[in-house]
PDB file of N, CA and C in Angstrom:
ATOM      1  N   UNK A   1      64.715 140.625 109.047  1.00  0.00           N
ATOM      2  CA  UNK A   1      64.947 139.131 108.948  1.00  0.00           C
ATOM      3  C   UNK A   1      65.871 138.529 108.152  1.00  0.00           C
ATOM      4  N   UNK A   2      66.267 137.543 108.671  1.00  0.00           N
ATOM      5  CA  UNK A   2      67.471 136.752 107.893  1.00  0.00           C
ATOM      6  C   UNK A   2      67.181 136.112 106.414  1.00  0.00           C
ATOM      7  N   UNK A   3      67.819 135.953 105.570  1.00  0.00           N
ATOM      8  CA  UNK A   3      67.664 135.613 104.225  1.00  0.00           C
ATOM      9  C   UNK A   3      67.703 134.224 104.571  1.00  0.00           C
ATOM     10  N   UNK A   4      67.423 133.133 103.379  1.00  0.00           N
ATOM     11  CA  UNK A   4      67.055 131.739 103.872  1.00  0.00           C
ATOM     12  C   UNK A   4      68.047 131.334 102.795  1.00  0.00           C
ATOM     13  N   UNK A   5      68.680 130.380 102.923  1.00  0.00           N
ATOM     14  CA  UNK A   5      69.608 129.422 102.500  1.00  0.00           C
ATOM     15  C   UNK A   5      69.583 127.932 102.216  1.00  0.00           C
ATOM     16  N   UNK A   6      69.170 127.129 101.682  1.00  0.00           N
ATOM     17  CA  UNK A   6      69.458 125.493 102.221  1.00  0.00           C
ATOM     18  C   UNK A   6      70.520 125.031 101.489  1.00  0.00           C
ATOM     19  N   UNK A   7      71.197 124.139 102.240  1.00  0.00           N
ATOM     20  CA  UNK A   7      72.378 123.819 102.015  1.00  0.00           C
ATOM     21  C   UNK A   7      72.089 122.006 101.962  1.00  0.00           C
ATOM     22  N   UNK A   8      73.455 121.588 101.135  1.00  0.00           N
ATOM     23  CA  UNK A   8      73.321 119.932 101.271  1.00  0.00           C
ATOM     24  C   UNK A   8      74.874 119.633 101.558  1.00  0.00           C
ATOM     25  N   UNK A   9      75.185 118.661 102.551  1.00  0.00           N
ATOM     26  CA  UNK A   9      76.087 117.951 103.335  1.00  0.00           C
ATOM     27  C   UNK A   9      75.778 116.758 102.714  1.00  0.00           C
ATOM     28  N   UNK A  10      77.167 115.983 102.138  1.00  0.00           N
ATOM     29  CA  UNK A  10      77.692 114.504 102.191  1.00  0.00           C
ATOM     30  C   UNK A  10      78.112 114.092 103.331  1.00  0.00           C
ATOM     31  N   UNK A  11      77.768 112.971 104.035  1.00  0.00           N
ATOM     32  CA  UNK A  11      78.192 112.481 105.107  1.00  0.00           C
ATOM     33  C   UNK A  11      79.165 112.504 104.716  1.00  0.00           C
ATOM     34  N   UNK A  12      80.389 112.187 106.142  1.00  0.00           N
ATOM     35  CA  UNK A  12      81.639 112.024 106.231  1.00  0.00           C
ATOM     36  C   UNK A  12      82.531 112.600 104.657  1.00  0.00           C
ATOM     37  N   UNK A  13      82.397 113.884 104.594  1.00  0.00           N
ATOM     38  CA  UNK A  13      83.148 114.620 103.528  1.00  0.00           C
ATOM     39  C   UNK A  13      83.253 115.797 103.806  1.00  0.00           C
ATOM     40  N   UNK A  14      84.646 116.354 103.607  1.00  0.00           N
ATOM     41  CA  UNK A  14      84.541 117.764 104.082  1.00  0.00           C
ATOM     42  C   UNK A  14      83.579 118.366 103.481  1.00  0.00           C
ATOM     43  N   UNK A  15      83.161 119.692 104.165  1.00  0.00           N
ATOM     44  CA  UNK A  15      82.213 120.364 103.355  1.00  0.00           C
ATOM     45  C   UNK A  15      82.406 121.802 103.219  1.00  0.00           C
ATOM     46  N   UNK A  16      82.377 122.805 102.444  1.00  0.00           N
ATOM     47  CA  UNK A  16      82.433 124.286 102.562  1.00  0.00           C
ATOM     48  C   UNK A  16      81.437 124.986 101.711  1.00  0.00           C
ATOM     49  N   UNK A  17      80.909 126.098 102.212  1.00  0.00           N
ATOM     50  CA  UNK A  17      80.170 126.457 101.497  1.00  0.00           C
ATOM     51  C   UNK A  17      80.206 128.449 101.671  1.00  0.00           C
ATOM     52  N   UNK A  18      79.913 129.367 100.575  1.00  0.00           N
ATOM     53  CA  UNK A  18      80.344 130.537 100.685  1.00  0.00           C
ATOM     54  C   UNK A  18      78.734 131.255 100.906  1.00  0.00           C
ATOM     55  N   UNK A  19      78.610 131.886 101.698  1.00  0.00           N
ATOM     56  CA  UNK A  19      77.187 132.512 101.555  1.00  0.00           C
ATOM     57  C   UNK A  19      77.578 134.209 101.631  1.00  0.00           C
ATOM     58  N   UNK A  20      76.582 134.470 101.116  1.00  0.00           N
ATOM     59  CA  UNK A  20      76.700 136.275 100.913  1.00  0.00           C
ATOM     60  C   UNK A  20      75.848 136.858 101.930  1.00  0.00           C
ATOM     61  N   UNK A  21      76.278 137.893 102.491  1.00  0.00           N
ATOM     62  CA  UNK A  21      75.228 138.721 103.495  1.00  0.00           C
ATOM     63  C   UNK A  21      74.918 139.966 102.600  1.00  0.00           C
ATOM     64  N   UNK A  22      73.160 139.955 102.624  1.00  0.00           N
ATOM     65  CA  UNK A  22      73.362 141.539 102.054  1.00  0.00           C
ATOM     66  C   UNK A  22      72.557 141.952 102.519  1.00  0.00           C
ATOM     67  N   UNK A  23      72.102 143.367 102.205  1.00  0.00           N
ATOM     68  CA  UNK A  23      70.986 144.342 103.137  1.00  0.00           C
ATOM     69  C   UNK A  23      69.930 143.960 102.141  1.00  0.00           C
ATOM     70  N   UNK A  24      69.102 144.744 102.513  1.00  0.00           N
ATOM     71  CA  UNK A  24      67.351 144.425 102.042  1.00  0.00           C
ATOM     72  C   UNK A  24      67.325 145.089 100.485  1.00  0.00           C
ATOM     73  N   UNK A  25      68.469 145.922 100.117  1.00  0.00           N
ATOM     74  CA  UNK A  25      68.547 146.278  98.633  1.00  0.00           C
ATOM     75  C   UNK A  25      69.467 145.125  97.931  1.00  0.00           C
ATOM     76  N   UNK A  26      69.711 144.231  98.263  1.00  0.00           N
ATOM     77  CA  UNK A  26      70.424 143.317  97.558  1.00  0.00           C
ATOM     78  C   UNK A  26      71.917 143.378  97.767  1.00  0.00           C
ATOM     79  N   UNK A  27      72.173 144.165  98.136  1.00  0.00           N
ATOM     80  CA  UNK A  27      73.745 144.741  98.050  1.00  0.00           C
ATOM     81  C   UNK A  27      74.296 144.322  98.924  1.00  0.00           C
ATOM     82  N   UNK A  28      76.057 143.527  98.600  1.00  0.00           N
ATOM     83  CA  UNK A  28      76.722 142.827  99.664  1.00  0.00           C
ATOM     84  C   UNK A  28      76.557 144.068 101.023  1.00  0.00           C
ATOM     85  N   UNK A  29      77.026 143.213 102.234  1.00  0.00           N
ATOM     86  CA  UNK A  29      77.331 144.128 103.463  1.00  0.00           C
ATOM     87  C   UNK A  29      78.690 144.138 103.693  1.00  0.00           C
ATOM     88  N   UNK A  30      79.306 145.213 103.739  1.00  0.00           N
ATOM     89  CA  UNK A  30      80.852 145.215 104.204  1.00  0.00           C
ATOM     90  C   UNK A  30      81.049 144.670 105.361  1.00  0.00           C
ATOM     91  N   UNK A  31      81.819 143.425 105.865  1.00  0.00           N
ATOM     92  CA  UNK A  31      81.614 143.119 107.601  1.00  0.00           C
ATOM     93  C   UNK A  31      82.992 143.407 107.920  1.00  0.00           C
ATOM     94  N   UNK A  32      83.500 144.468 107.360  1.00  0.00           N
ATOM     95  CA  UNK A  32      85.175 144.952 108.181  1.00  0.00           C
ATOM     96  C   UNK A  32      84.267 145.534 109.735  1.00  0.00           C
ATOM     97  N   UNK A  33      84.781 145.093 110.584  1.00  0.00           N
ATOM     98  CA  UNK A  33      84.447 145.413 112.005  1.00  0.00           C
ATOM     99  C   UNK A  33      83.564 144.624 112.682  1.00  0.00           C
ATOM    100  N   UNK A  34      83.273 142.785 111.882  1.00  0.00           N
ATOM    101  CA  UNK A  34      82.366 142.173 111.881  1.00  0.00           C
ATOM    102  C   UNK A  34      82.902 141.155 112.468  1.00  0.00           C
ATOM    103  N   UNK A  35      82.512 139.766 113.327  1.00  0.00           N
ATOM    104  CA  UNK A  35      82.997 138.256 113.694  1.00  0.00           C
ATOM    105  C   UNK A  35      81.693 137.656 113.251  1.00  0.00           C
ATOM    106  N   UNK A  36      81.816 136.771 112.854  1.00  0.00           N
ATOM    107  CA  UNK A  36      80.766 135.579 112.227  1.00  0.00           C
ATOM    108  C   UNK A  36      80.705 134.048 113.136  1.00  0.00           C
ATOM    109  N   UNK A  37      79.272 134.076 113.129  1.00  0.00           N
ATOM    110  CA  UNK A  37      79.310 132.190 113.984  1.00  0.00           C
ATOM    111  C   UNK A  37      78.121 131.695 113.323  1.00  0.00           C
ATOM    112  N   UNK A  38      78.505 130.396 113.133  1.00  0.00           N
ATOM    113  CA  UNK A  38      77.327 129.341 112.617  1.00  0.00           C
ATOM    114  C   UNK A  38      77.105 128.471 113.073  1.00  0.00           C
ATOM    115  N   UNK A  39      75.875 127.610 113.327  1.00  0.00           N
ATOM    116  CA  UNK A  39      75.422 126.673 113.924  1.00  0.00           C
ATOM    117  C   UNK A  39      74.531 125.940 113.257  1.00  0.00           C
ATOM    118  N   UNK A  40      74.299 124.475 113.391  1.00  0.00           N
ATOM    119  CA  UNK A  40      73.838 123.834 112.845  1.00  0.00           C
ATOM    120  C   UNK A  40      73.134 122.904 114.120  1.00  0.00           C
ATOM    121  N   UNK A  41      71.841 122.171 114.248  1.00  0.00           N
ATOM    122  CA  UNK A  41      71.273 121.395 115.088  1.00  0.00           C
ATOM    123  C   UNK A  41      70.138 120.755 114.199  1.00  0.00           C
ATOM    124  N   UNK A  42      69.629 119.422 114.975  1.00  0.00           N
ATOM    125  CA  UNK A  42      68.371 118.550 114.803  1.00  0.00           C
ATOM    126  C   UNK A  42      67.231 119.485 114.389  1.00  0.00           C
ATOM    127  N   UNK A  43      66.898 120.828 115.457  1.00  0.00           N
ATOM    128  CA  UNK A  43      65.784 121.242 115.407  1.00  0.00           C
ATOM    129  C   UNK A  43      65.877 122.725 116.043  1.00  0.00           C
ATOM    130  N   UNK A  44      65.133 123.663 116.059  1.00  0.00           N
ATOM    131  CA  UNK A  44      65.194 124.756 116.505  1.00  0.00           C
ATOM    132  C   UNK A  44      65.118 124.656 118.214  1.00  0.00           C
ATOM    133  N   UNK A  45      65.891 125.221 119.038  1.00  0.00           N
ATOM    134  CA  UNK A  45      66.099 125.123 120.274  1.00  0.00           C
ATOM    135  C   UNK A  45      66.521 124.044 120.695  1.00  0.00           C
ATOM    136  N   UNK A  46      67.196 122.592 119.784  1.00  0.00           N
ATOM    137  CA  UNK A  46      67.581 121.819 120.397  1.00  0.00           C
ATOM    138  C   UNK A  46      68.778 121.865 121.284  1.00  0.00           C
ATOM    139  N   UNK A  47      68.968 121.102 122.345  1.00  0.00           N
ATOM    140  CA  UNK A  47      69.871 121.228 123.248  1.00  0.00           C
ATOM    141  C   UNK A  47      71.479 121.043 123.072  1.00  0.00           C
ATOM    142  N   UNK A  48      71.515 120.429 121.484  1.00  0.00           N
ATOM    143  CA  UNK A  48      72.956 120.139 121.327  1.00  0.00           C
ATOM    144  C   UNK A  48      73.229 120.644 119.634  1.00  0.00           C
ATOM    145  N   UNK A  49      74.141 121.273 119.501  1.00  0.00           N
ATOM    146  CA  UNK A  49      74.374 121.518 118.311  1.00  0.00           C
ATOM    147  C   UNK A  49      75.947 121.611 117.960  1.00  0.00           C
ATOM    148  N   UNK A  50      75.853 121.769 116.364  1.00  0.00           N
ATOM    149  CA  UNK A  50      77.573 121.925 116.034  1.00  0.00           C
ATOM    150  C   UNK A  50      77.921 123.231 115.422  1.00  0.00           C
ATOM    151  N   UNK A  51      79.104 123.477 116.047  1.00  0.00           N
ATOM    152  CA  UNK A  51      79.587 124.738 115.447  1.00  0.00           C
ATOM    153  C   UNK A  51      80.382 124.743 114.210  1.00  0.00           C
ATOM    154  N   UNK A  52      79.991 125.507 112.850  1.00  0.00           N
ATOM    155  CA  UNK A  52      80.761 125.677 111.662  1.00  0.00           C
ATOM    156  C   UNK A  52      81.944 126.175 112.029  1.00  0.00           C
ATOM    157  N   UNK A  53      83.453 125.806 111.109  1.00  0.00           N
ATOM    158  CA  UNK A  53      84.123 126.931 111.144  1.00  0.00           C
ATOM    159  C   UNK A  53      83.963 127.922 110.137  1.00  0.00           C
ATOM    160  N   UNK A  54      83.834 129.430 110.615  1.00  0.00           N
ATOM    161  CA  UNK A  54      83.629 130.278 109.701  1.00  0.00           C
ATOM    162  C   UNK A  54      84.467 131.607 109.599  1.00  0.00           C
ATOM    163  N   UNK A  55      84.642 131.941 108.383  1.00  0.00           N
ATOM    164  CA  UNK A  55      85.860 133.049 108.132  1.00  0.00           C
ATOM    165  C   UNK A  55      84.962 134.038 107.437  1.00  0.00           C
ATOM    166  N   UNK A  56      85.507 135.224 107.185  1.00  0.00           N
ATOM    167  CA  UNK A  56      84.866 136.501 106.514  1.00  0.00           C
ATOM    168  C   UNK A  56      86.104 136.358 105.330  1.00  0.00           C
ATOM    169  N   UNK A  57      85.474 136.704 104.346  1.00  0.00           N
ATOM    170  CA  UNK A  57      86.512 136.743 103.154  1.00  0.00           C
ATOM    171  C   UNK A  57      87.488 138.276 103.459  1.00  0.00           C
ATOM    172  N   UNK A  58      88.455 138.295 102.832  1.00  0.00           N
ATOM    173  CA  UNK A  58      89.745 139.056 103.191  1.00  0.00           C
ATOM    174  C   UNK A  58      89.048 140.241 102.473  1.00  0.00           C
ATOM    175  N   UNK A  59      88.402 140.299 101.397  1.00  0.00           N
ATOM    176  CA  UNK A  59      87.515 141.575 101.036  1.00  0.00           C
ATOM    177  C   UNK A  59      86.541 141.444 101.590  1.00  0.00           C
ATOM    178  N   UNK A  60      86.297 142.498 102.907  1.00  0.00           N
ATOM    179  CA  UNK A  60      85.162 142.097 103.580  1.00  0.00           C
ATOM    180  C   UNK A  60      84.006 142.669 102.850  1.00  0.00           C
ATOM    181  N   UNK A  61      83.905 144.013 101.828  1.00  0.00           N
ATOM    182  CA  UNK A  61      83.054 144.307 101.190  1.00  0.00           C
ATOM    183  C   UNK A  61      82.314 143.445 100.193  1.00  0.00           C
ATOM    184  N   UNK A  62      82.685 142.316  99.920  1.00  0.00           N
ATOM    185  CA  UNK A  62      81.970 141.383  99.234  1.00  0.00           C
ATOM    186  C   UNK A  62      80.767 140.596 100.283  1.00  0.00           C
ATOM    187  N   UNK A  63      80.909 140.904 101.237  1.00  0.00           N
ATOM    188  CA  UNK A  63      80.001 140.237 102.067  1.00  0.00           C
ATOM    189  C   UNK A  63      79.914 138.780 102.370  1.00  0.00           C
ATOM    190  N   UNK A  64      81.187 138.181 102.035  1.00  0.00           N
ATOM    191  CA  UNK A  64      80.804 136.312 101.887  1.00  0.00           C
ATOM    192  C   UNK A  64      81.409 135.709 103.006  1.00  0.00           C
ATOM    193  N   UNK A  65      80.864 134.750 103.622  1.00  0.00           N
ATOM    194  CA  UNK A  65      81.060 133.978 104.952  1.00  0.00           C
ATOM    195  C   UNK A  65      81.353 132.615 104.308  1.00  0.00           C
ATOM    196  N   UNK A  66      82.250 132.113 104.643  1.00  0.00           N
ATOM    197  CA  UNK A  66      82.430 130.786 104.215  1.00  0.00           C
ATOM    198  C   UNK A  66      82.404 129.736 105.476  1.00  0.00           C
ATOM    199  N   UNK A  67      81.473 128.868 105.249  1.00  0.00           N
ATOM    200  CA  UNK A  67      81.004 127.656 106.621  1.00  0.00           C
ATOM    201  C   UNK A  67      81.556 126.429 106.028  1.00  0.00           C
ATOM    202  N   UNK A  68      82.640 125.897 107.110  1.00  0.00           N
ATOM    203  CA  UNK A  68      83.277 124.858 106.905  1.00  0.00           C
ATOM    204  C   UNK A  68      82.830 124.075 108.037  1.00  0.00           C
ATOM    205  N   UNK A  69      82.976 122.541 107.406  1.00  0.00           N
ATOM    206  CA  UNK A  69      82.958 121.125 108.554  1.00  0.00           C
ATOM    207  C   UNK A  69      83.927 120.429 108.073  1.00  0.00           C
ATOM    208  N   UNK A  70      84.624 119.675 108.925  1.00  0.00           N
ATOM    209  CA  UNK A  70      85.708 118.733 108.220  1.00  0.00           C
ATOM    210  C   UNK A  70      84.634 117.004 108.146  1.00  0.00           C
ATOM    211  N   UNK A  71      85.632 116.240 107.880  1.00  0.00           N
ATOM    212  CA  UNK A  71      84.774 115.274 107.799  1.00  0.00           C
ATOM    213  C   UNK A  71      84.476 114.360 108.544  1.00  0.00           C
ATOM    214  N   UNK A  72      84.994 114.565 109.925  1.00  0.00           N
ATOM    215  CA  UNK A  72      84.902 113.821 111.162  1.00  0.00           C
ATOM    216  C   UNK A  72      83.506 114.450 111.700  1.00  0.00           C
ATOM    217  N   UNK A  73      83.374 116.055 111.633  1.00  0.00           N
ATOM    218  CA  UNK A  73      82.045 116.419 111.922  1.00  0.00           C
ATOM    219  C   UNK A  73      80.809 116.086 111.148  1.00  0.00           C
ATOM    220  N   UNK A  74      80.865 115.947 109.374  1.00  0.00           N
ATOM    221  CA  UNK A  74      79.980 115.809 108.944  1.00  0.00           C
ATOM    222  C   UNK A  74      79.728 114.044 108.616  1.00  0.00           C
ATOM    223  N   UNK A  75      80.873 113.285 109.205  1.00  0.00           N
ATOM    224  CA  UNK A  75      80.564 111.630 109.367  1.00  0.00           C
ATOM    225  C   UNK A  75      79.693 111.472 110.577  1.00  0.00           C
ATOM    226  N   UNK A  76      79.662 112.604 111.943  1.00  0.00           N
ATOM    227  CA  UNK A  76      78.788 111.909 112.950  1.00  0.00           C
ATOM    228  C   UNK A  76      77.605 112.588 112.776  1.00  0.00           C
ATOM    229  N   UNK A  77      76.959 113.262 111.594  1.00  0.00           N
ATOM    230  CA  UNK A  77      75.467 113.444 111.471  1.00  0.00           C
ATOM    231  C   UNK A  77      74.774 112.405 110.883  1.00  0.00           C
ATOM    232  N   UNK A  78      73.657 112.828 111.528  1.00  0.00           N
ATOM    233  CA  UNK A  78      72.892 111.424 111.135  1.00  0.00           C
ATOM    234  C   UNK A  78      72.570 111.569 109.792  1.00  0.00           C
ATOM    235  N   UNK A  79      72.062 110.420 109.155  1.00  0.00           N
ATOM    236  CA  UNK A  79      71.843 110.652 107.508  1.00  0.00           C
ATOM    237  C   UNK A  79      71.442 109.120 107.398  1.00  0.00           C
ATOM    238  N   UNK A  80      70.219 109.610 106.443  1.00  0.00           N
ATOM    239  CA  UNK A  80      69.624 110.840 105.840  1.00  0.00           C
ATOM    240  C   UNK A  80      68.955 111.574 106.443  1.00  0.00           C
ATOM    241  N   UNK A  81      68.918 112.846 106.799  1.00  0.00           N
ATOM    242  CA  UNK A  81      68.126 113.582 107.995  1.00  0.00           C
ATOM    243  C   UNK A  81      68.421 115.262 107.237  1.00  0.00           C
ATOM    244  N   UNK A  82      67.481 115.892 108.094  1.00  0.00           N
ATOM    245  CA  UNK A  82      67.813 117.339 107.967  1.00  0.00           C
ATOM    246  C   UNK A  82      67.763 117.694 109.116  1.00  0.00           C
ATOM    247  N   UNK A  83      68.828 119.045 109.251  1.00  0.00           N
ATOM    248  CA  UNK A  83      69.200 120.088 109.889  1.00  0.00           C
ATOM    249  C   UNK A  83      68.542 121.258 109.693  1.00  0.00           C
ATOM    250  N   UNK A  84      68.808 122.123 110.975  1.00  0.00           N
ATOM    251  CA  UNK A  84      68.586 123.986 110.488  1.00  0.00           C
ATOM    252  C   UNK A  84      69.774 124.189 111.154  1.00  0.00           C
ATOM    253  N   UNK A  85      70.015 125.654 110.174  1.00  0.00           N
ATOM    254  CA  UNK A  85      71.079 126.137 110.962  1.00  0.00           C
ATOM    255  C   UNK A  85      70.952 127.662 110.743  1.00  0.00           C
ATOM    256  N   UNK A  86      71.726 128.780 111.156  1.00  0.00           N
ATOM    257  CA  UNK A  86      71.900 130.116 111.118  1.00  0.00           C
ATOM    258  C   UNK A  86      73.016 130.274 111.193  1.00  0.00           C
ATOM    259  N   UNK A  87      73.397 131.530 110.592  1.00  0.00           N
ATOM    260  CA  UNK A  87      74.430 132.330 110.843  1.00  0.00           C
ATOM    261  C   UNK A  87      74.216 133.441 111.424  1.00  0.00           C
ATOM    262  N   UNK A  88      75.165 134.380 112.205  1.00  0.00           N
ATOM    263  CA  UNK A  88      75.273 135.418 113.196  1.00  0.00           C
ATOM    264  C   UNK A  88      76.586 136.388 112.602  1.00  0.00           C
ATOM    265  N   UNK A  89      76.080 137.393 112.498  1.00  0.00           N
ATOM    266  CA  UNK A  89      77.434 138.454 112.782  1.00  0.00           C
ATOM    267  C   UNK A  89      77.245 139.246 113.965  1.00  0.00           C
ATOM    268  N   UNK A  90      78.490 139.777 114.366  1.00  0.00           N
ATOM    269  CA  UNK A  90      78.469 140.423 115.687  1.00  0.00           C
ATOM    270  C   UNK A  90      79.314 141.749 115.125  1.00  0.00           C
ATOM    271  N   UNK A  91      78.994 143.250 115.476  1.00  0.00           N
ATOM    272  CA  UNK A  91      79.654 144.231 115.125  1.00  0.00           C
ATOM    273  C   UNK A  91      80.213 144.217 116.289  1.00  0.00           C
ATOM    274  N   UNK A  92      81.750 144.271 116.216  1.00  0.00           N
ATOM    275  CA  UNK A  92      82.623 144.583 117.352  1.00  0.00           C
ATOM    276  C   UNK A  92      82.337 145.572 118.080  1.00  0.00           C
ATOM    277  N   UNK A  93      82.196 147.037 117.539  1.00  0.00           N
ATOM    278  CA  UNK A  93      82.009 147.998 118.191  1.00  0.00           C
ATOM    279  C   UNK A  93      81.099 148.312 119.045  1.00  0.00           C
ATOM    280  N   UNK A  94      80.022 147.779 118.929  1.00  0.00           N
ATOM    281  CA  UNK A  94      78.599 147.677 119.475  1.00  0.00           C
ATOM    282  C   UNK A  94      78.181 146.468 120.167  1.00  0.00           C
ATOM    283  N   UNK A  95      78.791 145.476 119.711  1.00  0.00           N
ATOM    284  CA  UNK A  95      78.332 144.003 120.187  1.00  0.00           C
ATOM    285  C   UNK A  95      76.978 143.534 120.179  1.00  0.00           C
ATOM    286  N   UNK A  96      76.217 144.302 118.823  1.00  0.00           N
ATOM    287  CA  UNK A  96      74.841 144.150 118.385  1.00  0.00           C
ATOM    288  C   UNK A  96      75.445 142.877 117.017  1.00  0.00           C
ATOM    289  N   UNK A  97      74.344 141.882 117.679  1.00  0.00           N
ATOM    290  CA  UNK A  97      74.126 140.500 117.164  1.00  0.00           C
ATOM    291  C   UNK A  97      73.336 140.379 116.020  1.00  0.00           C
ATOM    292  N   UNK A  98      73.161 140.133 114.630  1.00  0.00           N
ATOM    293  CA  UNK A  98      72.274 140.278 113.976  1.00  0.00           C
ATOM    294  C   UNK A  98      72.465 138.477 113.164  1.00  0.00           C
ATOM    295  N   UNK A  99      71.041 138.094 113.223  1.00  0.00           N
ATOM    296  CA  UNK A  99      70.948 136.535 112.390  1.00  0.00           C
ATOM    297  C   UNK A  99      70.808 136.911 111.173  1.00  0.00           C
ATOM    298  N   UNK A 100      71.797 136.815 109.980  1.00  0.00           N
ATOM    299  CA  UNK A 100      71.491 137.151 108.820  1.00  0.00           C
ATOM    300  C   UNK A 100      71.428 135.758 107.510  1.00  0.00           C
ATOM    301  N   UNK A 101      71.315 134.651 107.911  1.00  0.00           N
ATOM    302  CA  UNK A 101      71.261 133.728 107.245  1.00  0.00           C
ATOM    303  C   UNK A 101      70.753 132.497 107.936  1.00  0.00           C
ATOM    304  N   UNK A 102      69.798 131.888 107.050  1.00  0.00           N
ATOM    305  CA  UNK A 102      68.983 130.554 107.894  1.00  0.00           C
ATOM    306  C   UNK A 102      68.547 129.591 106.898  1.00  0.00           C
ATOM    307  N   UNK A 103      68.520 128.601 107.413  1.00  0.00           N
ATOM    308  CA  UNK A 103      67.888 127.589 106.334  1.00  0.00           C
ATOM    309  C   UNK A 103      68.417 125.879 106.768  1.00  0.00           C
ATOM    310  N   UNK A 104      67.514 125.272 105.704  1.00  0.00           N
ATOM    311  CA  UNK A 104      67.533 123.547 106.350  1.00  0.00           C
ATOM    312  C   UNK A 104      69.087 123.253 105.472  1.00  0.00           C
ATOM    313  N   UNK A 105      69.443 122.268 106.308  1.00  0.00           N
ATOM    314  CA  UNK A 105      70.697 121.239 105.864  1.00  0.00           C
ATOM    315  C   UNK A 105      70.070 119.932 105.416  1.00  0.00           C
ATOM    316  N   UNK A 106      70.146 119.497 104.388  1.00  0.00           N
ATOM    317  CA  UNK A 106      69.872 117.990 103.830  1.00  0.00           C
ATOM    318  C   UNK A 106      71.309 117.140 103.942  1.00  0.00           C
ATOM    319  N   UNK A 107      71.479 116.192 104.939  1.00  0.00           N
ATOM    320  CA  UNK A 107      72.380 115.317 104.865  1.00  0.00           C
ATOM    321  C   UNK A 107      72.391 114.083 104.177  1.00  0.00           C
ATOM    322  N   UNK A 108      73.176 113.736 103.688  1.00  0.00           N
ATOM    323  CA  UNK A 108      73.034 112.858 102.174  1.00  0.00           C
ATOM    324  C   UNK A 108      74.007 111.827 103.242  1.00  0.00           C
ATOM    325  N   UNK A 109      73.670 109.990 102.957  1.00  0.00           N
ATOM    326  CA  UNK A 109      74.289 109.225 103.528  1.00  0.00           C
ATOM    327  C   UNK A 109      75.545 108.871 102.823  1.00  0.00           C
ATOM    328  N   UNK A 110      76.480 108.732 103.535  1.00  0.00           N
ATOM    329  CA  UNK A 110      77.614 107.845 102.884  1.00  0.00           C
ATOM    330  C   UNK A 110      76.841 106.317 102.825  1.00  0.00           C
ATOM    331  N   UNK A 111      78.186 105.227 102.196  1.00  0.00           N
ATOM    332  CA  UNK A 111      77.911 104.158 101.876  1.00  0.00           C
ATOM    333  C   UNK A 111      78.158 103.337 103.235  1.00  0.00           C
TER     334      UNK A 111
END
């Protein structure tokens, strides 16, 4: 089961957040040999979504994944509004895909 982490985004501003992938014991997952992706949408099953720019920390043993959106991407989000998101990792050797983090994103409106 994926961990839950709720996020806040300011509409029209650059966004970046580090999330840590942990196992059932609470220890960081070593992400060596993995790729990651993350998307947000207005609702689960929505036909359109936005992809985050995703990077895995150079020290893969920390389990840290950075999610980013630029100001143009956040400017296109409805606000005030709520979105859902999830983060998947793929083990490159086996192509096994695992949803590791999910949650709600609250978008704060710009002036």
